[in-house]
Protein backbone atom coordinates (compact mmCIF):
# COMPACT_ATOMS: atom_id res chain seq x y z
CA MET A 1 75.62 -75.70 96.88
CA GLY A 2 79.04 -74.99 98.43
CA GLU A 3 82.38 -76.97 98.51
CA SER A 4 82.29 -80.85 99.90
CA PRO A 5 83.28 -80.72 103.42
CA SER A 6 85.46 -83.50 102.81
CA ARG A 7 87.83 -81.81 100.13
CA SER A 8 90.25 -79.38 101.31
CA GLY A 9 92.24 -76.87 99.07
CA VAL A 10 95.23 -79.09 98.65
CA PHE A 11 93.36 -81.19 95.96
CA ASP A 12 94.09 -79.85 92.28
CA SER A 13 91.17 -81.37 90.89
CA GLY A 14 87.71 -82.87 91.92
CA THR A 15 86.67 -86.70 92.56
CA ASP A 16 86.49 -89.01 89.94
CA GLN A 17 83.11 -90.26 89.89
CA ARG A 18 84.26 -94.01 89.80
CA LEU A 19 85.84 -93.27 93.20
CA ALA A 20 82.75 -91.51 94.21
CA ARG A 21 80.75 -94.54 93.73
CA PHE A 22 83.32 -96.77 95.06
CA SER A 23 83.73 -95.11 98.23
CA GLU A 24 80.31 -94.10 99.33
CA SER A 25 78.78 -95.48 102.32
CA ILE A 26 75.47 -93.30 102.43
CA SER A 27 73.61 -96.30 101.23
CA GLN A 28 74.61 -98.03 104.60
CA ASP A 29 75.30 -95.42 107.12
CA HIS A 30 72.14 -93.15 106.48
CA ARG A 31 70.47 -95.08 109.34
CA LEU A 32 73.11 -93.56 111.60
CA ALA A 33 71.42 -89.81 111.05
CA PRO A 34 69.57 -89.38 114.43
CA HIS A 35 72.81 -90.55 116.07
CA ASP A 36 74.66 -88.26 114.01
CA LEU A 37 72.55 -85.09 114.82
CA ARG A 38 72.34 -86.09 118.66
CA GLY A 39 76.18 -86.05 118.53
CA SER A 40 76.61 -83.10 116.61
CA ILE A 41 74.02 -81.14 118.58
CA ALA A 42 75.92 -82.08 121.98
CA HIS A 43 79.49 -80.90 120.35
CA ALA A 44 78.16 -77.77 119.03
CA LEU A 45 76.65 -76.89 123.08
CA MET A 46 79.85 -78.00 124.54
CA LEU A 47 82.00 -75.47 121.77
CA ALA A 48 79.48 -72.69 123.21
CA ARG A 49 80.11 -73.70 126.86
CA GLN A 50 83.88 -73.48 126.17
CA GLY A 51 83.72 -70.42 124.22
CA ILE A 52 85.18 -71.75 121.10
CA LEU A 53 81.29 -70.77 119.66
CA THR A 54 79.10 -68.21 120.60
CA GLU A 55 75.86 -68.79 122.26
CA SER A 56 74.21 -67.37 119.10
CA GLU A 57 76.26 -69.65 116.71
CA ALA A 58 75.52 -72.84 118.90
CA ALA A 59 71.60 -71.96 118.78
CA GLN A 60 71.74 -71.23 115.19
CA ILE A 61 73.50 -74.73 114.63
CA VAL A 62 71.09 -76.78 116.96
CA THR A 63 67.90 -75.23 115.25
CA ALA A 64 69.57 -76.24 111.92
CA LEU A 65 70.32 -79.86 112.98
CA GLU A 66 67.00 -80.26 114.28
CA GLU A 67 65.50 -78.88 111.01
CA ILE A 68 67.80 -81.38 108.94
CA GLY A 69 66.44 -84.01 111.16
CA GLY A 70 63.08 -83.35 110.05
CA ARG A 71 63.82 -83.23 106.62
CA ILE A 72 65.71 -86.62 107.04
CA GLU A 73 62.54 -88.11 108.63
CA ARG A 74 60.29 -86.95 105.88
CA GLY A 75 62.91 -88.30 103.15
CA ASP A 76 63.62 -84.77 101.98
CA LEU A 77 67.42 -84.80 102.34
CA GLN A 78 68.81 -86.23 98.87
CA HIS A 79 71.51 -88.75 99.21
CA ARG A 80 74.43 -87.78 96.69
CA ILE A 81 77.39 -89.95 96.48
CA GLU A 82 80.06 -87.05 95.87
CA LEU A 83 79.07 -86.56 99.82
CA GLU A 84 80.26 -90.19 100.64
CA ASP A 85 78.35 -90.50 104.09
CA ILE A 86 75.83 -89.32 106.27
CA HIS A 87 78.15 -87.16 108.43
CA MET A 88 78.93 -85.33 105.12
CA HIS A 89 75.42 -85.08 104.17
CA VAL A 90 74.14 -83.16 107.44
CA GLU A 91 77.48 -81.09 107.54
CA GLN A 92 76.71 -79.93 103.71
CA ALA A 93 73.10 -79.36 104.62
CA LEU A 94 74.45 -77.41 107.47
CA ILE A 95 76.53 -75.21 105.50
CA ASP A 96 74.00 -74.85 102.82
CA GLN A 97 71.70 -73.08 105.39
CA LEU A 98 73.95 -71.33 107.80
CA GLY A 99 76.99 -70.59 105.49
CA ASP A 100 80.24 -69.87 107.57
CA VAL A 101 78.32 -70.57 111.15
CA GLY A 102 77.69 -74.32 109.50
CA ARG A 103 81.46 -74.44 108.65
CA LYS A 104 82.37 -74.08 112.62
CA LEU A 105 80.59 -77.23 113.79
CA HIS A 106 83.58 -79.77 112.98
CA THR A 107 85.74 -77.75 115.02
CA GLY A 108 87.60 -79.71 117.61
CA ARG A 109 86.56 -83.37 115.90
CA SER A 110 87.37 -85.30 113.23
CA ARG A 111 85.25 -87.90 110.96
CA ASN A 112 86.96 -90.52 112.64
CA ASP A 113 85.80 -89.79 115.96
CA GLN A 114 82.42 -88.79 115.00
CA VAL A 115 81.90 -92.17 113.08
CA SER A 116 82.89 -94.01 116.17
CA THR A 117 80.79 -91.68 118.39
CA ASP A 118 77.71 -92.33 116.03
CA LEU A 119 78.18 -96.31 115.72
CA ARG A 120 78.56 -96.55 119.35
CA LEU A 121 75.32 -94.69 119.89
CA TRP A 122 73.75 -96.91 117.29
CA THR A 123 74.94 -100.14 118.77
CA ARG A 124 73.98 -99.31 122.33
CA ASP A 125 70.41 -98.51 121.05
CA ALA A 126 70.44 -101.89 119.41
CA ILE A 127 71.71 -103.76 122.08
CA ASP A 128 68.88 -102.35 124.14
CA ARG A 129 66.45 -103.67 121.68
CA VAL A 130 67.77 -107.13 121.51
CA VAL A 131 68.11 -107.22 125.30
CA ARG A 132 64.32 -106.56 125.67
CA LEU A 133 63.46 -109.06 123.31
CA LEU A 134 65.65 -111.91 125.15
CA THR A 135 63.84 -110.88 128.25
CA ASP A 136 60.48 -111.35 126.31
CA LEU A 137 61.48 -114.81 125.02
CA GLN A 138 62.51 -116.07 128.58
CA ARG A 139 59.01 -114.87 129.69
CA ALA A 140 57.51 -116.80 126.88
CA PHE A 141 59.44 -119.95 127.92
CA LEU A 142 58.69 -119.24 131.64
CA ASP A 143 54.90 -119.12 130.79
CA ARG A 144 55.08 -122.69 129.09
CA CYS A 145 56.34 -124.04 132.34
CA GLN A 146 52.60 -123.37 133.70
CA ILE A 147 51.03 -124.59 130.34
CA ASP A 148 53.00 -127.74 130.48
CA GLU A 149 53.19 -128.32 134.18
CA GLY A 150 53.58 -132.09 134.98
CA THR A 151 54.19 -133.12 131.35
CA VAL A 152 57.16 -135.53 130.86
CA LEU A 153 59.27 -135.71 127.96
CA PRO A 154 62.26 -137.81 127.08
CA ALA A 155 65.44 -135.97 127.10
CA TYR A 156 68.22 -136.60 124.35
CA THR A 157 71.94 -137.31 124.10
CA HIS A 158 73.15 -138.12 120.58
CA LEU A 159 69.80 -137.71 119.68
CA GLN A 160 69.02 -140.81 121.44
CA ARG A 161 66.80 -141.39 124.26
CA ALA A 162 68.39 -140.63 127.59
CA GLN A 163 66.21 -139.77 130.43
CA PRO A 164 62.88 -138.50 131.21
CA VAL A 165 62.40 -134.59 132.39
CA LEU A 166 59.48 -132.22 132.90
CA ALA A 167 59.03 -130.03 130.20
CA ALA A 168 59.16 -127.15 132.15
CA HIS A 169 62.71 -128.39 132.89
CA TYR A 170 63.23 -128.13 128.98
CA TRP A 171 62.07 -124.62 128.91
CA LEU A 172 64.26 -123.59 131.78
CA ALA A 173 67.39 -124.66 130.07
CA TYR A 174 66.40 -122.31 127.18
CA ILE A 175 65.61 -119.56 129.71
CA GLU A 176 69.31 -120.21 131.27
CA LYS A 177 70.94 -119.89 127.68
CA LEU A 178 69.02 -116.63 127.17
CA GLU A 179 69.95 -115.05 130.38
CA ARG A 180 73.68 -115.87 129.26
CA ASP A 181 73.22 -114.41 125.89
CA ARG A 182 71.75 -111.36 127.74
CA GLN A 183 74.48 -110.66 130.12
CA ARG A 184 76.98 -111.16 127.25
CA LEU A 185 75.44 -108.15 125.37
CA LEU A 186 75.00 -106.04 128.81
CA ASP A 187 78.67 -106.60 129.42
CA ALA A 188 79.88 -105.75 126.09
CA ARG A 189 77.60 -102.69 126.44
CA ARG A 190 79.86 -101.18 128.80
CA ARG A 191 82.49 -101.29 126.38
CA VAL A 192 80.34 -99.72 123.74
CA ASN A 193 79.12 -97.13 126.06
CA GLN A 194 82.56 -95.31 126.42
CA CYS A 195 82.47 -91.72 124.45
CA PRO A 196 85.03 -91.21 121.74
CA LEU A 197 84.20 -87.77 120.48
CA GLY A 198 86.80 -85.35 121.05
CA GLY A 199 89.60 -87.82 120.04
CA ALA A 200 89.68 -86.08 116.90
CA ALA A 201 91.92 -87.46 113.98
CA VAL A 202 94.42 -89.39 115.92
CA ALA A 203 96.26 -86.90 118.28
CA GLY A 204 93.56 -84.87 120.01
CA THR A 205 93.19 -81.29 119.37
CA SER A 206 95.08 -78.39 120.70
CA LEU A 207 91.15 -76.53 121.47
CA PRO A 208 89.92 -76.38 124.96
CA ILE A 209 87.01 -78.74 124.44
CA ASP A 210 85.41 -80.53 127.14
CA ARG A 211 85.00 -84.64 126.38
CA HIS A 212 83.54 -85.15 129.47
CA TRP A 213 80.69 -83.02 129.49
CA VAL A 214 79.80 -84.19 125.98
CA ALA A 215 79.99 -87.92 127.36
CA ARG A 216 77.55 -87.01 130.20
CA GLU A 217 75.48 -85.11 127.54
CA LEU A 218 75.15 -88.46 125.28
CA GLY A 219 74.70 -90.85 128.38
CA PHE A 220 78.16 -92.56 127.97
CA GLU A 221 79.43 -94.38 130.70
CA GLY A 222 82.88 -93.25 130.37
CA VAL A 223 85.17 -91.31 128.21
CA ALA A 224 87.59 -93.43 125.68
CA ALA A 225 91.17 -92.27 127.04
CA ASN A 226 93.67 -92.76 123.97
CA SER A 227 92.96 -90.66 121.13
CA ILE A 228 95.03 -93.18 118.66
CA ASP A 229 92.92 -96.17 119.94
CA ILE A 230 89.75 -94.22 119.28
CA SER A 231 89.96 -93.65 115.75
CA SER A 232 90.74 -97.37 115.01
CA ASP A 233 89.00 -99.24 117.73
CA ARG A 234 86.05 -101.41 116.43
CA ASP A 235 86.35 -104.19 119.27
CA PHE A 236 82.79 -102.72 120.59
CA ALA A 237 81.38 -103.64 116.88
CA ILE A 238 83.12 -107.12 116.93
CA GLU A 239 82.23 -108.12 120.50
CA SER A 240 78.85 -107.19 120.21
CA THR A 241 78.54 -108.95 116.93
CA PHE A 242 80.11 -112.21 118.76
CA ALA A 243 77.48 -112.02 121.47
CA LEU A 244 74.63 -111.92 118.36
CA SER A 245 76.48 -114.89 116.80
CA LEU A 246 76.01 -117.06 120.14
CA ILE A 247 72.32 -115.78 120.24
CA ALA A 248 71.61 -116.79 116.53
CA ALA A 249 73.63 -120.36 117.21
CA HIS A 250 71.51 -120.73 120.42
CA LEU A 251 68.12 -119.89 118.17
CA SER A 252 69.33 -122.42 115.37
CA GLY A 253 69.43 -125.17 117.66
CA TRP A 254 66.05 -124.27 119.40
CA ALA A 255 64.97 -124.20 115.73
CA GLU A 256 66.19 -127.48 114.79
CA GLU A 257 64.88 -129.04 117.91
CA TRP A 258 61.48 -127.88 117.22
CA ILE A 259 61.47 -128.94 113.71
CA LEU A 260 62.31 -132.40 114.39
CA TRP A 261 59.53 -132.00 117.24
CA SER A 262 56.98 -130.93 114.71
CA THR A 263 57.33 -134.16 112.55
CA VAL A 264 55.25 -136.89 112.17
CA GLU A 265 58.03 -139.27 113.21
CA TYR A 266 58.41 -137.48 116.63
CA GLY A 267 54.93 -135.92 116.93
CA PHE A 268 55.77 -133.77 120.08
CA LEU A 269 54.67 -130.52 118.92
CA LYS A 270 52.31 -128.58 116.97
CA LEU A 271 53.51 -125.51 115.48
CA PRO A 272 51.11 -122.39 114.97
CA HIS A 273 50.10 -122.26 111.22
CA ARG A 274 50.48 -118.92 110.86
CA PHE A 275 54.20 -119.29 111.30
CA CYS A 276 54.08 -122.18 108.54
CA THR A 277 53.69 -122.15 104.80
CA GLY A 278 52.63 -124.65 102.31
CA SER A 279 53.74 -126.49 99.34
CA SER A 280 53.36 -125.39 95.66
CA ILE A 281 52.53 -129.11 94.69
CA MET A 282 51.73 -131.00 97.71
CA PRO A 283 48.59 -130.12 99.57
CA GLN A 284 49.05 -131.62 102.88
CA LYS A 285 52.18 -130.07 103.69
CA ILE A 286 52.55 -127.59 106.60
CA ASN A 287 56.29 -126.67 106.54
CA PRO A 288 58.07 -125.09 109.37
CA ASP A 289 59.84 -122.25 107.27
CA THR A 290 60.17 -119.80 110.01
CA LEU A 291 62.15 -122.23 112.09
CA GLU A 292 64.28 -123.14 108.99
CA LEU A 293 65.06 -119.61 108.05
CA THR A 294 65.91 -119.10 111.79
CA ARG A 295 68.39 -121.86 111.67
CA GLY A 296 69.62 -120.58 107.99
CA LYS A 297 69.82 -116.97 108.99
CA SER A 298 72.14 -117.71 112.01
CA ALA A 299 74.99 -118.46 109.32
CA ARG A 300 74.70 -114.74 108.10
CA VAL A 301 75.39 -113.73 111.66
CA ILE A 302 78.13 -115.90 112.28
CA GLY A 303 79.88 -115.01 108.63
CA HIS A 304 79.37 -111.37 109.74
CA LEU A 305 81.60 -112.02 112.66
CA GLN A 306 84.36 -113.63 110.77
CA THR A 307 83.90 -110.65 108.19
CA LEU A 308 84.54 -108.00 111.10
CA LEU A 309 87.70 -110.18 112.53
CA VAL A 310 89.41 -110.54 109.22
CA LEU A 311 88.66 -106.57 108.43
CA ILE A 312 90.52 -105.69 111.31
CA LYS A 313 93.28 -108.19 111.65
CA GLY A 314 96.00 -106.57 109.66
CA LEU A 315 95.25 -102.71 110.13
CA PRO A 316 97.93 -100.27 111.46
CA LEU A 317 97.07 -97.85 113.91
CA ALA A 318 95.13 -95.66 113.75
CA TYR A 319 92.08 -95.13 111.35
CA ASN A 320 92.24 -97.01 107.95
CA ARG A 321 89.33 -96.47 105.31
CA ASP A 322 89.02 -100.16 105.63
CA LEU A 323 86.76 -99.71 108.68
CA GLN A 324 84.02 -98.11 106.36
CA GLU A 325 83.00 -101.59 105.74
CA ASP A 326 81.97 -102.21 109.22
CA LYS A 327 78.70 -101.12 109.01
CA PHE A 328 76.76 -103.54 106.70
CA PRO A 329 77.88 -106.83 109.00
CA LEU A 330 77.13 -105.03 112.32
CA PHE A 331 73.64 -103.85 111.14
CA ASP A 332 72.62 -106.82 109.26
CA SER A 333 73.68 -109.12 112.49
CA PHE A 334 71.47 -106.86 114.90
CA ASP A 335 68.72 -106.85 112.16
CA THR A 336 69.04 -110.40 111.59
CA VAL A 337 68.72 -111.46 115.25
CA GLU A 338 65.94 -108.89 115.95
CA ALA A 339 63.81 -110.47 113.34
CA CYS A 340 64.65 -113.96 114.55
CA LEU A 341 63.66 -112.97 118.09
CA GLU A 342 60.52 -111.18 117.23
CA LEU A 343 59.25 -114.50 115.46
CA ALA A 344 60.46 -117.02 118.04
CA ILE A 345 58.45 -115.15 121.04
CA PRO A 346 54.91 -115.77 119.44
CA ILE A 347 55.90 -119.43 118.20
CA VAL A 348 57.07 -120.50 121.84
CA GLN A 349 53.82 -118.89 123.04
CA GLN A 350 51.60 -120.33 120.64
CA SER A 351 52.84 -123.88 119.86
CA THR A 352 51.25 -126.91 121.58
CA LEU A 353 52.66 -130.12 122.98
CA GLN A 354 51.13 -132.84 121.61
CA LYS A 355 50.75 -134.37 125.23
CA PRO A 356 48.67 -137.83 124.46
CA ALA A 357 51.44 -138.73 121.71
CA ILE A 358 54.23 -137.88 123.83
CA GLN A 359 52.58 -139.95 126.78
CA ALA A 360 51.75 -142.86 124.41
CA ARG A 361 55.55 -143.41 123.75
CA LEU A 362 57.19 -142.13 126.89
CA GLU A 363 58.14 -145.61 128.13
CA HIS A 364 60.09 -146.47 124.81
CA GLY A 365 63.60 -146.38 124.98
CA TYR A 366 64.41 -147.38 128.52
CA LEU A 367 64.59 -143.77 130.03
CA ASP A 368 64.42 -145.29 133.31
CA ALA A 369 67.72 -147.29 132.95
CA THR A 370 69.78 -144.76 134.94
CA THR A 371 67.66 -144.36 137.63
CA VAL A 372 67.25 -148.12 138.11
CA MET A 373 71.11 -148.17 137.91
CA GLU A 374 71.28 -145.64 140.77
CA LYS A 375 68.91 -147.77 143.00
CA LEU A 376 71.23 -150.70 142.83
CA ILE A 377 74.13 -148.16 143.95
CA VAL A 378 71.74 -147.15 146.90
CA LEU A 379 71.42 -150.98 147.74
CA GLY A 380 75.26 -151.15 147.80
CA MET A 381 76.41 -152.48 144.36
CA PRO A 382 79.19 -150.75 142.95
CA GLN A 383 78.51 -148.47 140.04
CA ARG A 384 80.42 -150.32 137.31
CA THR A 385 78.90 -153.37 138.29
CA ALA A 386 75.50 -151.88 138.42
CA HIS A 387 75.96 -150.15 135.21
CA HIS A 388 76.63 -153.70 133.48
CA ILE A 389 73.74 -155.34 135.18
CA VAL A 390 71.03 -152.81 134.21
CA GLY A 391 72.69 -153.06 130.49
CA ALA A 392 71.99 -156.74 130.80
CA LEU A 393 68.18 -155.88 132.06
CA VAL A 394 67.70 -153.67 129.09
CA HIS A 395 68.86 -156.09 126.75
CA ALA A 396 66.64 -158.85 128.36
CA ALA A 397 63.62 -156.19 127.89
CA MET A 398 64.53 -155.41 124.42
CA GLN A 399 64.28 -158.96 123.21
CA ARG A 400 61.11 -159.35 124.89
CA ASN A 401 60.03 -156.24 123.41
CA VAL A 402 58.73 -154.57 126.99
CA PRO A 403 59.77 -152.16 129.16
CA LEU A 404 61.97 -152.68 132.16
CA ALA A 405 58.82 -152.76 134.41
CA GLU A 406 57.08 -155.41 132.62
CA LEU A 407 60.32 -157.70 133.10
CA PRO A 408 59.18 -161.04 135.02
CA PRO A 409 60.63 -161.81 138.18
CA ASP A 410 62.46 -164.77 136.93
CA ALA A 411 63.98 -162.85 134.10
CA ILE A 412 65.35 -160.27 136.38
CA GLY A 413 66.73 -162.85 138.94
CA ALA A 414 68.48 -164.67 136.14
CA ILE A 415 70.61 -161.56 135.28
CA ASP A 416 72.47 -161.61 138.79
CA PRO A 417 71.53 -163.87 141.89
CA ARG A 418 71.05 -160.72 143.98
CA LEU A 419 68.19 -159.56 141.89
CA GLY A 420 66.24 -162.54 142.86
CA ASP A 421 65.91 -161.24 146.37
CA ALA A 422 62.22 -160.12 146.97
CA THR A 423 63.44 -156.77 148.75
CA TRP A 424 65.66 -156.07 145.91
CA GLN A 425 62.86 -156.77 143.35
CA GLN A 426 60.65 -154.61 145.07
CA ALA A 427 63.15 -151.65 145.31
CA LEU A 428 63.92 -152.00 141.58
CA ARG A 429 60.26 -152.00 140.72
CA ALA A 430 59.42 -148.90 142.55
CA ALA A 431 62.59 -147.19 140.30
CA MET A 432 61.19 -148.41 137.03
CA GLY A 433 58.95 -146.11 134.68
CA ALA A 434 59.55 -142.63 133.39
CA ASP A 435 57.37 -140.91 136.05
CA ALA A 436 59.07 -142.90 138.84
CA ALA A 437 62.35 -141.70 137.61
CA VAL A 438 61.50 -138.17 137.64
CA HIS A 439 60.41 -138.20 141.11
CA ALA A 440 63.85 -140.05 141.95
CA TYR A 441 66.08 -137.10 141.06
CA GLN A 442 67.51 -135.41 143.75
CA SER A 443 70.52 -133.12 142.85
CA TYR A 444 70.11 -129.27 142.79
CA GLY A 445 69.10 -128.50 138.98
CA SER A 446 67.76 -131.74 138.39
CA SER A 447 64.27 -132.43 136.86
CA HIS A 448 62.68 -133.58 140.32
CA PRO A 449 59.34 -131.45 140.33
CA GLN A 450 60.22 -129.79 143.61
CA GLN A 451 63.69 -128.53 141.79
CA VAL A 452 61.79 -127.35 138.71
CA ALA A 453 59.14 -125.52 141.08
CA HIS A 454 61.96 -123.80 142.93
CA GLN A 455 63.48 -122.52 139.55
CA ILE A 456 60.27 -121.65 138.17
CA ALA A 457 59.56 -119.43 140.99
CA ALA A 458 63.24 -117.93 141.07
CA TRP A 459 62.67 -117.09 137.58
CA THR A 460 59.31 -115.60 138.17
CA ALA A 461 60.70 -113.27 140.62
CA ARG A 462 64.01 -112.58 138.66
CA LEU A 463 61.80 -111.23 135.60
CA ASP A 464 59.08 -109.62 137.55
CA ALA A 465 61.51 -107.78 139.44
CA ARG A 466 64.08 -107.19 136.57
CA PRO A 467 64.84 -103.39 136.39
CA ASN A 468 65.53 -101.90 132.96
CA ASP A 469 69.31 -102.85 132.80
CA ALA A 470 69.30 -101.47 129.17
CA ASN A 471 68.73 -98.01 130.45
CA PRO A 472 72.28 -96.16 130.42
CA GLU A 473 71.27 -94.19 133.60
CA LYS A 474 71.56 -97.62 135.37
CA LEU A 475 74.84 -98.72 134.03
CA GLY A 476 76.96 -96.81 136.16
CA THR A 477 78.43 -93.28 136.66
CA LEU A 478 80.75 -91.26 134.36
CA GLN A 479 84.31 -92.39 134.98
CA ASN A 480 86.45 -89.24 134.91
């Protein structure tokens, strides 16, 4: 079988099996295999281009690595804890197959830069998947804008009814959040997409390798510039996990809102039953478990961010074995967010607003109070005075248990002498009611139907014309 590639002749004994079990990472990093093979093939081709390997040796190595890839896909490569990680498994399989030719592959690189390269390739692919899912979720919310066209909802602050808005305005708010999430990931991707291969252990190598050729071959946007920094840098993993944490937090807030909206107390929303579960004892229950798990799983992602930050906080330059512990939090963060997004998309597509129930209670909570106040401002009243007077109007309406629009003229005039004027009362009446309030908005980004229609059109054009901005070839050229 041959000696382990990770053990040199300096050791006077084999590895204690307790250490082998303690230090293995193959149980986590086996998923890096395709990226390890890709990086190794590029490295072998570069060594041949530079005359460090012969063309024949490189061809043998590439063919063998492709065969090993097939074995891994079929599950034919047995994991052995004494080989520690996927990199050693691949190299040992190569040595077993090619002997001394296989031993030449590791020329001019270290496991330090190799691991960083594999992890960056994996993270880049994972970012691309999440970016596509975020775009799909944006499209799901945009489709809802058409489905729920004209529907007015109460918007909340402090979980108290605040002002009326179009349902489409609500959905556009989530599209904006998701766009920030996309942009954060795409921005992080540029820092992920720097090639560390060839930095070697810490100081570089005396061999005439061509790091820029390898970077281009692997689709990297640039070449990491400092060999000391290369082997210790995990900023790209932490930054990506931070972006995922915000996505998870946004999904959690959305899940919480829709959990509330689907209750009998709110009655705003009917969730698709295929994404709900029942109770083991209460036959009537339709529980929003998918949304609850989405809310709960956000804690895992946020916790992984803290794990990674604590992992690096006390590490001296350059590589330290502590960094082996970066895999699980990074992998699980991406896995968790991807799973949540994959379920969020059909839930958004298939849920139904309970429009009659929403409309029946729309005038509850005095959603039009702010618009009435602003009408008084237009009539020449100072804002603070108008604020106080409308508060008194709401108090009078609450005592009568009626909306503002049903206050009798004498009750309105009793609040302030100016309100007894017929012209003023007519102006105030025109501003009362949720629908009137929605049509009174004027500011850019507001919930006026024309403003919302403009935003819908802008997002439709933006999503329809969106390039595949997760494509590495569209993210810039290699910086020498």
